[in-house]
N, C-alpha and C. Protein backbone atom coordinates (compact mmCIF):
# COMPACT_ATOMS: atom_id res chain seq x y z
N MET A 1 -26.61 20.70 -29.01
CA MET A 1 -27.67 19.77 -29.31
C MET A 1 -28.94 20.28 -28.63
N SER A 2 -30.04 20.36 -29.37
CA SER A 2 -31.28 20.88 -28.81
C SER A 2 -31.95 19.85 -27.91
N LYS A 3 -32.85 20.33 -27.09
CA LYS A 3 -33.56 19.46 -26.15
C LYS A 3 -34.40 18.42 -26.91
N THR A 4 -34.99 18.82 -28.02
CA THR A 4 -35.80 17.91 -28.83
C THR A 4 -34.96 16.78 -29.41
N SER A 5 -33.78 17.08 -29.91
CA SER A 5 -32.94 16.03 -30.49
C SER A 5 -32.42 15.09 -29.40
N VAL A 6 -32.17 15.61 -28.20
CA VAL A 6 -31.75 14.75 -27.09
C VAL A 6 -32.87 13.78 -26.72
N VAL A 7 -34.09 14.29 -26.65
CA VAL A 7 -35.24 13.44 -26.32
C VAL A 7 -35.44 12.38 -27.39
N LYS A 8 -35.32 12.75 -28.67
CA LYS A 8 -35.45 11.77 -29.76
C LYS A 8 -34.36 10.71 -29.69
N THR A 9 -33.14 11.13 -29.42
CA THR A 9 -32.02 10.19 -29.32
C THR A 9 -32.24 9.22 -28.16
N LEU A 10 -32.67 9.74 -27.01
CA LEU A 10 -32.93 8.88 -25.86
C LEU A 10 -34.08 7.93 -26.13
N SER A 11 -35.11 8.40 -26.83
CA SER A 11 -36.26 7.55 -27.16
C SER A 11 -35.83 6.39 -28.05
N VAL A 12 -35.00 6.68 -29.04
CA VAL A 12 -34.50 5.63 -29.93
C VAL A 12 -33.66 4.63 -29.15
N LEU A 13 -32.83 5.12 -28.25
CA LEU A 13 -31.98 4.24 -27.44
C LEU A 13 -32.83 3.33 -26.55
N VAL A 14 -33.86 3.89 -25.91
CA VAL A 14 -34.73 3.10 -25.05
C VAL A 14 -35.45 2.03 -25.87
N LEU A 15 -35.96 2.39 -27.04
CA LEU A 15 -36.62 1.41 -27.90
C LEU A 15 -35.66 0.31 -28.34
N PHE A 16 -34.44 0.67 -28.68
CA PHE A 16 -33.44 -0.31 -29.07
C PHE A 16 -33.14 -1.28 -27.93
N LEU A 17 -32.94 -0.74 -26.72
CA LEU A 17 -32.65 -1.59 -25.56
C LEU A 17 -33.83 -2.50 -25.23
N ALA A 18 -35.04 -1.97 -25.32
CA ALA A 18 -36.22 -2.78 -25.04
C ALA A 18 -36.35 -3.90 -26.08
N ALA A 19 -36.13 -3.58 -27.35
CA ALA A 19 -36.19 -4.60 -28.41
C ALA A 19 -35.12 -5.66 -28.20
N SER A 20 -33.94 -5.26 -27.79
CA SER A 20 -32.86 -6.22 -27.53
C SER A 20 -33.23 -7.14 -26.37
N PHE A 21 -33.81 -6.56 -25.32
CA PHE A 21 -34.23 -7.35 -24.16
C PHE A 21 -35.30 -8.36 -24.57
N VAL A 22 -36.30 -7.90 -25.32
CA VAL A 22 -37.39 -8.78 -25.75
C VAL A 22 -36.84 -9.91 -26.60
N THR A 23 -35.97 -9.61 -27.55
CA THR A 23 -35.41 -10.63 -28.43
C THR A 23 -34.59 -11.65 -27.65
N ALA A 24 -33.72 -11.17 -26.78
CA ALA A 24 -32.85 -12.08 -26.01
C ALA A 24 -33.67 -12.95 -25.07
N THR A 25 -34.66 -12.36 -24.42
CA THR A 25 -35.46 -13.12 -23.47
C THR A 25 -36.37 -14.11 -24.17
N ALA A 26 -36.95 -13.69 -25.28
CA ALA A 26 -37.89 -14.55 -26.00
C ALA A 26 -37.21 -15.77 -26.61
N GLN A 27 -35.93 -15.66 -26.94
CA GLN A 27 -35.24 -16.79 -27.52
C GLN A 27 -35.12 -17.94 -26.55
N GLY A 28 -35.15 -17.64 -25.26
CA GLY A 28 -35.24 -18.66 -24.24
C GLY A 28 -34.04 -19.57 -24.15
N GLU A 29 -32.86 -19.06 -24.41
CA GLU A 29 -31.67 -19.89 -24.32
C GLU A 29 -31.52 -20.42 -22.90
N GLY A 30 -31.47 -21.74 -22.77
CA GLY A 30 -31.35 -22.37 -21.46
C GLY A 30 -32.66 -22.47 -20.72
N SER A 31 -33.75 -22.03 -21.32
CA SER A 31 -35.05 -22.06 -20.67
C SER A 31 -35.69 -23.43 -20.82
N ILE A 32 -36.63 -23.71 -19.92
CA ILE A 32 -37.38 -24.96 -19.94
C ILE A 32 -38.77 -24.64 -20.48
N GLU A 33 -39.24 -25.46 -21.40
CA GLU A 33 -40.55 -25.23 -21.99
C GLU A 33 -41.63 -25.79 -21.08
N GLY A 34 -42.66 -24.99 -20.84
CA GLY A 34 -43.75 -25.40 -19.96
C GLY A 34 -44.96 -25.90 -20.71
N ASP A 35 -45.89 -26.50 -19.94
CA ASP A 35 -47.12 -27.07 -20.51
C ASP A 35 -48.33 -26.17 -20.29
N ILE A 36 -48.32 -25.42 -19.20
CA ILE A 36 -49.48 -24.61 -18.82
C ILE A 36 -49.03 -23.20 -18.49
N VAL A 37 -49.74 -22.22 -19.03
CA VAL A 37 -49.46 -20.81 -18.75
C VAL A 37 -50.43 -20.35 -17.67
N VAL A 38 -49.89 -19.65 -16.67
CA VAL A 38 -50.74 -19.05 -15.65
C VAL A 38 -50.79 -17.56 -15.94
N LEU A 39 -52.00 -17.08 -16.21
CA LEU A 39 -52.23 -15.68 -16.54
C LEU A 39 -53.16 -15.06 -15.50
N ARG A 40 -53.04 -13.77 -15.31
CA ARG A 40 -54.01 -13.05 -14.49
C ARG A 40 -54.72 -12.07 -15.40
N ALA A 41 -56.04 -12.12 -15.37
CA ALA A 41 -56.86 -11.24 -16.21
C ALA A 41 -57.67 -10.32 -15.31
N LEU A 42 -57.78 -9.07 -15.74
CA LEU A 42 -58.51 -8.05 -14.99
C LEU A 42 -59.56 -7.41 -15.88
N ASP A 43 -60.79 -7.35 -15.37
CA ASP A 43 -61.85 -6.57 -16.01
C ASP A 43 -61.86 -5.24 -15.27
N LYS A 44 -61.45 -4.17 -15.95
CA LYS A 44 -61.31 -2.86 -15.31
C LYS A 44 -62.65 -2.25 -14.92
N ILE A 45 -63.73 -2.66 -15.56
CA ILE A 45 -65.05 -2.11 -15.25
C ILE A 45 -65.58 -2.68 -13.94
N THR A 46 -65.49 -3.99 -13.79
CA THR A 46 -66.05 -4.65 -12.60
C THR A 46 -65.00 -4.89 -11.51
N ALA A 47 -63.73 -4.64 -11.83
CA ALA A 47 -62.60 -4.91 -10.92
C ALA A 47 -62.47 -6.40 -10.60
N ARG A 48 -62.99 -7.23 -11.49
CA ARG A 48 -62.90 -8.68 -11.31
C ARG A 48 -61.57 -9.18 -11.86
N THR A 49 -60.85 -9.95 -11.05
CA THR A 49 -59.63 -10.59 -11.53
C THR A 49 -59.83 -12.10 -11.50
N LEU A 50 -59.12 -12.76 -12.39
CA LEU A 50 -59.23 -14.20 -12.47
C LEU A 50 -57.89 -14.76 -12.89
N ASP A 51 -57.42 -15.78 -12.18
CA ASP A 51 -56.21 -16.49 -12.61
C ASP A 51 -56.63 -17.59 -13.57
N LEU A 52 -56.02 -17.58 -14.74
CA LEU A 52 -56.35 -18.53 -15.79
C LEU A 52 -55.19 -19.51 -15.95
N TYR A 53 -55.49 -20.79 -15.96
CA TYR A 53 -54.51 -21.85 -16.18
C TYR A 53 -54.82 -22.43 -17.56
N VAL A 54 -53.99 -22.08 -18.54
CA VAL A 54 -54.29 -22.42 -19.92
C VAL A 54 -53.19 -23.31 -20.50
N PRO A 55 -53.55 -24.52 -20.91
CA PRO A 55 -52.56 -25.39 -21.57
C PRO A 55 -52.09 -24.77 -22.89
N ILE A 56 -50.86 -25.03 -23.26
CA ILE A 56 -50.31 -24.53 -24.52
C ILE A 56 -51.17 -25.01 -25.69
N ASP A 57 -51.39 -24.12 -26.64
CA ASP A 57 -52.17 -24.37 -27.85
C ASP A 57 -53.65 -24.62 -27.60
N GLU A 58 -54.17 -24.23 -26.42
CA GLU A 58 -55.61 -24.25 -26.17
C GLU A 58 -56.05 -22.81 -25.93
N MET A 59 -57.34 -22.56 -26.07
CA MET A 59 -57.86 -21.21 -25.90
C MET A 59 -58.73 -21.12 -24.66
N VAL A 60 -58.74 -19.92 -24.09
CA VAL A 60 -59.62 -19.64 -22.96
C VAL A 60 -60.28 -18.29 -23.22
N ALA A 61 -61.51 -18.14 -22.74
CA ALA A 61 -62.22 -16.88 -22.90
C ALA A 61 -62.24 -16.12 -21.58
N PHE A 62 -62.07 -14.81 -21.68
CA PHE A 62 -62.24 -13.91 -20.53
C PHE A 62 -62.97 -12.69 -21.06
N GLY A 63 -64.24 -12.55 -20.68
CA GLY A 63 -65.06 -11.49 -21.25
C GLY A 63 -65.16 -11.70 -22.75
N SER A 64 -64.84 -10.67 -23.51
CA SER A 64 -64.88 -10.78 -24.97
C SER A 64 -63.54 -11.20 -25.56
N LEU A 65 -62.57 -11.48 -24.68
CA LEU A 65 -61.24 -11.88 -25.16
C LEU A 65 -61.12 -13.38 -25.33
N SER A 66 -60.43 -13.78 -26.36
CA SER A 66 -60.03 -15.16 -26.56
C SER A 66 -58.51 -15.19 -26.46
N ILE A 67 -57.99 -15.93 -25.50
CA ILE A 67 -56.56 -15.95 -25.22
C ILE A 67 -56.00 -17.32 -25.61
N HIS A 68 -54.96 -17.29 -26.45
CA HIS A 68 -54.38 -18.52 -27.00
C HIS A 68 -52.86 -18.51 -26.78
N PRO A 69 -52.38 -19.20 -25.73
CA PRO A 69 -50.92 -19.29 -25.53
C PRO A 69 -50.29 -20.27 -26.51
N ARG A 70 -49.19 -19.85 -27.13
CA ARG A 70 -48.51 -20.71 -28.11
C ARG A 70 -47.24 -21.33 -27.56
N LYS A 71 -46.57 -20.62 -26.64
CA LYS A 71 -45.32 -21.13 -26.10
C LYS A 71 -45.10 -20.51 -24.73
N CYS A 72 -44.50 -21.28 -23.84
CA CYS A 72 -44.23 -20.82 -22.47
C CYS A 72 -42.83 -21.30 -22.08
N LEU A 73 -42.00 -20.35 -21.70
CA LEU A 73 -40.62 -20.66 -21.31
C LEU A 73 -40.34 -20.14 -19.91
N LYS A 74 -39.59 -20.92 -19.15
CA LYS A 74 -39.21 -20.54 -17.79
C LYS A 74 -37.73 -20.86 -17.60
N ARG A 75 -37.03 -19.91 -17.02
CA ARG A 75 -35.61 -20.16 -16.77
C ARG A 75 -35.43 -21.19 -15.66
N PRO A 76 -34.35 -21.93 -15.71
CA PRO A 76 -34.07 -22.90 -14.65
C PRO A 76 -33.82 -22.19 -13.31
N PRO A 77 -33.98 -22.89 -12.20
CA PRO A 77 -33.87 -22.27 -10.87
C PRO A 77 -32.52 -21.60 -10.59
N GLU A 78 -31.45 -22.06 -11.23
CA GLU A 78 -30.13 -21.47 -10.96
C GLU A 78 -29.91 -20.14 -11.68
N ASP A 79 -30.78 -19.79 -12.65
CA ASP A 79 -30.69 -18.53 -13.37
C ASP A 79 -31.61 -17.48 -12.74
N PRO A 80 -31.42 -16.21 -13.08
CA PRO A 80 -32.35 -15.19 -12.59
C PRO A 80 -33.77 -15.53 -13.07
N PRO A 81 -34.77 -15.35 -12.20
CA PRO A 81 -36.13 -15.78 -12.57
C PRO A 81 -36.69 -14.99 -13.75
N GLU A 82 -37.32 -15.71 -14.67
CA GLU A 82 -38.03 -15.09 -15.79
C GLU A 82 -38.95 -16.12 -16.42
N THR A 83 -40.15 -15.68 -16.70
CA THR A 83 -41.12 -16.48 -17.42
C THR A 83 -41.56 -15.67 -18.61
N SER A 84 -41.51 -16.26 -19.79
CA SER A 84 -41.94 -15.58 -21.00
C SER A 84 -42.93 -16.47 -21.74
N THR A 85 -43.96 -15.83 -22.28
CA THR A 85 -45.03 -16.55 -22.93
C THR A 85 -45.41 -15.85 -24.23
N PHE A 86 -45.56 -16.64 -25.29
CA PHE A 86 -46.05 -16.08 -26.55
C PHE A 86 -47.56 -16.25 -26.56
N LEU A 87 -48.28 -15.13 -26.65
CA LEU A 87 -49.74 -15.13 -26.60
C LEU A 87 -50.33 -14.51 -27.86
N VAL A 88 -51.49 -15.03 -28.23
CA VAL A 88 -52.32 -14.41 -29.26
C VAL A 88 -53.65 -14.11 -28.57
N ILE A 89 -54.02 -12.82 -28.54
CA ILE A 89 -55.25 -12.41 -27.88
C ILE A 89 -56.15 -11.73 -28.91
N THR A 90 -57.37 -12.25 -29.02
CA THR A 90 -58.33 -11.76 -30.00
C THR A 90 -59.60 -11.31 -29.27
N GLU A 91 -60.19 -10.21 -29.74
CA GLU A 91 -61.47 -9.78 -29.18
C GLU A 91 -62.57 -10.28 -30.09
N ILE A 92 -63.55 -10.97 -29.48
CA ILE A 92 -64.64 -11.55 -30.24
C ILE A 92 -65.95 -10.96 -29.73
N ASN A 93 -66.61 -10.21 -30.60
CA ASN A 93 -67.92 -9.64 -30.29
C ASN A 93 -68.93 -10.14 -31.30
N GLU A 94 -70.15 -10.38 -30.86
CA GLU A 94 -71.20 -10.91 -31.72
C GLU A 94 -71.51 -9.94 -32.85
N GLY A 95 -71.60 -10.47 -34.05
CA GLY A 95 -71.95 -9.67 -35.22
C GLY A 95 -70.82 -8.85 -35.81
N VAL A 96 -69.61 -9.00 -35.27
CA VAL A 96 -68.46 -8.24 -35.75
C VAL A 96 -67.32 -9.22 -35.99
N GLU A 97 -66.50 -8.94 -36.99
CA GLU A 97 -65.32 -9.78 -37.26
C GLU A 97 -64.39 -9.75 -36.04
N PRO A 98 -63.79 -10.89 -35.67
CA PRO A 98 -62.81 -10.89 -34.58
C PRO A 98 -61.64 -9.95 -34.88
N VAL A 99 -61.13 -9.31 -33.82
CA VAL A 99 -60.02 -8.37 -33.96
C VAL A 99 -58.84 -8.87 -33.13
N ARG A 100 -57.70 -9.08 -33.79
CA ARG A 100 -56.51 -9.48 -33.06
C ARG A 100 -55.95 -8.26 -32.33
N LEU A 101 -55.90 -8.34 -31.01
CA LEU A 101 -55.43 -7.23 -30.18
C LEU A 101 -53.95 -7.35 -29.84
N PHE A 102 -53.47 -8.58 -29.73
CA PHE A 102 -52.10 -8.78 -29.27
C PHE A 102 -51.57 -10.08 -29.86
N SER A 103 -50.34 -10.05 -30.30
CA SER A 103 -49.64 -11.25 -30.74
C SER A 103 -48.17 -11.00 -30.46
N GLY A 104 -47.63 -11.69 -29.45
CA GLY A 104 -46.23 -11.49 -29.11
C GLY A 104 -45.88 -12.08 -27.76
N TRP A 105 -44.67 -11.77 -27.34
CA TRP A 105 -44.15 -12.28 -26.07
C TRP A 105 -44.53 -11.35 -24.93
N MET A 106 -44.96 -11.95 -23.82
CA MET A 106 -45.17 -11.22 -22.56
C MET A 106 -44.22 -11.82 -21.54
N PHE A 107 -43.77 -10.96 -20.61
CA PHE A 107 -42.78 -11.37 -19.62
C PHE A 107 -43.30 -11.12 -18.22
N ALA A 108 -43.17 -12.13 -17.36
CA ALA A 108 -43.68 -12.01 -15.99
C ALA A 108 -42.94 -10.93 -15.21
N SER A 109 -41.64 -10.79 -15.41
CA SER A 109 -40.87 -9.83 -14.62
C SER A 109 -41.03 -8.39 -15.11
N SER A 110 -41.49 -8.20 -16.35
CA SER A 110 -41.63 -6.86 -16.92
C SER A 110 -42.92 -6.77 -17.74
N PRO A 111 -44.06 -6.76 -17.08
CA PRO A 111 -45.32 -6.78 -17.83
C PRO A 111 -45.55 -5.54 -18.70
N ALA A 112 -44.91 -4.44 -18.38
CA ALA A 112 -45.13 -3.21 -19.15
C ALA A 112 -44.35 -3.18 -20.46
N ILE A 113 -43.35 -4.04 -20.62
CA ILE A 113 -42.53 -4.01 -21.84
C ILE A 113 -43.37 -4.33 -23.07
N ASN A 114 -44.19 -5.33 -23.01
CA ASN A 114 -45.00 -5.74 -24.15
C ASN A 114 -46.38 -6.13 -23.61
N ALA A 115 -47.25 -5.15 -23.46
CA ALA A 115 -48.53 -5.36 -22.77
C ALA A 115 -49.70 -5.30 -23.74
N LEU A 116 -50.81 -5.90 -23.31
CA LEU A 116 -52.06 -5.80 -24.03
C LEU A 116 -52.61 -4.39 -23.81
N GLU A 117 -52.95 -3.71 -24.91
CA GLU A 117 -53.54 -2.37 -24.83
C GLU A 117 -55.04 -2.52 -25.07
N HIS A 118 -55.84 -2.39 -24.01
CA HIS A 118 -57.28 -2.52 -24.14
C HIS A 118 -57.95 -1.66 -23.08
N PRO A 119 -59.04 -0.97 -23.43
CA PRO A 119 -59.68 -0.08 -22.45
C PRO A 119 -60.40 -0.81 -21.32
N VAL A 120 -60.80 -2.07 -21.52
CA VAL A 120 -61.57 -2.79 -20.51
C VAL A 120 -60.76 -3.88 -19.81
N TYR A 121 -59.86 -4.55 -20.53
CA TYR A 121 -59.18 -5.73 -19.99
C TYR A 121 -57.67 -5.54 -19.90
N ASP A 122 -57.09 -6.16 -18.88
CA ASP A 122 -55.64 -6.32 -18.76
C ASP A 122 -55.37 -7.81 -18.62
N VAL A 123 -54.30 -8.27 -19.22
CA VAL A 123 -53.86 -9.66 -19.11
C VAL A 123 -52.36 -9.62 -18.91
N TRP A 124 -51.85 -10.37 -17.92
CA TRP A 124 -50.41 -10.47 -17.76
C TRP A 124 -50.01 -11.86 -17.30
N VAL A 125 -48.76 -12.20 -17.54
CA VAL A 125 -48.21 -13.53 -17.25
C VAL A 125 -47.81 -13.60 -15.78
N ILE A 126 -48.19 -14.70 -15.15
CA ILE A 126 -47.81 -14.96 -13.77
C ILE A 126 -46.73 -16.05 -13.71
N ASP A 127 -46.97 -17.16 -14.42
CA ASP A 127 -46.06 -18.31 -14.30
C ASP A 127 -46.21 -19.22 -15.51
N CYS A 128 -45.29 -20.15 -15.60
CA CYS A 128 -45.29 -21.19 -16.61
C CYS A 128 -45.11 -22.50 -15.86
N ARG A 129 -46.12 -23.35 -15.90
CA ARG A 129 -46.06 -24.61 -15.17
C ARG A 129 -45.43 -25.68 -16.03
N ILE A 130 -44.57 -26.46 -15.41
CA ILE A 130 -43.86 -27.53 -16.10
C ILE A 130 -44.24 -28.83 -15.42
N SER A 131 -44.97 -29.69 -16.15
CA SER A 131 -45.44 -30.92 -15.52
C SER A 131 -44.30 -31.92 -15.31
N ASP A 132 -43.41 -32.04 -16.29
CA ASP A 132 -42.29 -32.98 -16.18
C ASP A 132 -41.08 -32.39 -16.90
N PRO A 133 -40.14 -31.79 -16.15
CA PRO A 133 -38.98 -31.17 -16.80
C PRO A 133 -38.20 -32.11 -17.70
N ASP A 134 -38.14 -33.39 -17.36
CA ASP A 134 -37.40 -34.34 -18.19
C ASP A 134 -38.09 -34.54 -19.54
N ALA A 135 -39.42 -34.46 -19.57
CA ALA A 135 -40.15 -34.63 -20.84
C ALA A 135 -39.87 -33.47 -21.78
N SER A 136 -39.70 -32.25 -21.25
CA SER A 136 -39.43 -31.11 -22.13
C SER A 136 -38.02 -31.20 -22.72
N LYS A 137 -37.10 -31.83 -22.02
CA LYS A 137 -35.74 -32.01 -22.57
C LYS A 137 -35.76 -33.02 -23.71
N ASP A 138 -36.68 -34.00 -23.65
CA ASP A 138 -36.76 -35.00 -24.69
C ASP A 138 -37.26 -34.42 -26.00
N LYS A 139 -38.02 -33.29 -25.95
CA LYS A 139 -38.55 -32.67 -27.16
C LYS A 139 -37.45 -32.02 -27.97
N GLU A 140 -36.35 -31.64 -27.35
CA GLU A 140 -35.29 -30.91 -28.04
C GLU A 140 -34.49 -31.76 -28.97
């Protein structure tokens, strides 16, 4: 087996494992649904960071980004810690059509698995706040 075919095989395996991890984690089996997403945003030009507390289904602006969390899941305390959030991130510049940069699940424990790719901004998940755990069980 050539070195190139080994690298291709390993690449496919890594992508498969990452996709399996993302799917299993995003399904949130046994997870508690949160009300507020805690994100950390970085402007790479100014080195400014800001912690954003964004309620589900509301939008917040950071620079030219519009960040819209759709769902936030957190594992119960007895399970290994994990917070996963479904985000839609759009870049809005004056005089130009908005551009969707990211739409998918981000994970607090593995921010590199599914990250925002942008030359100026980084956004990652810190936490999922749950105002009343009993209220989220009533939604099910």
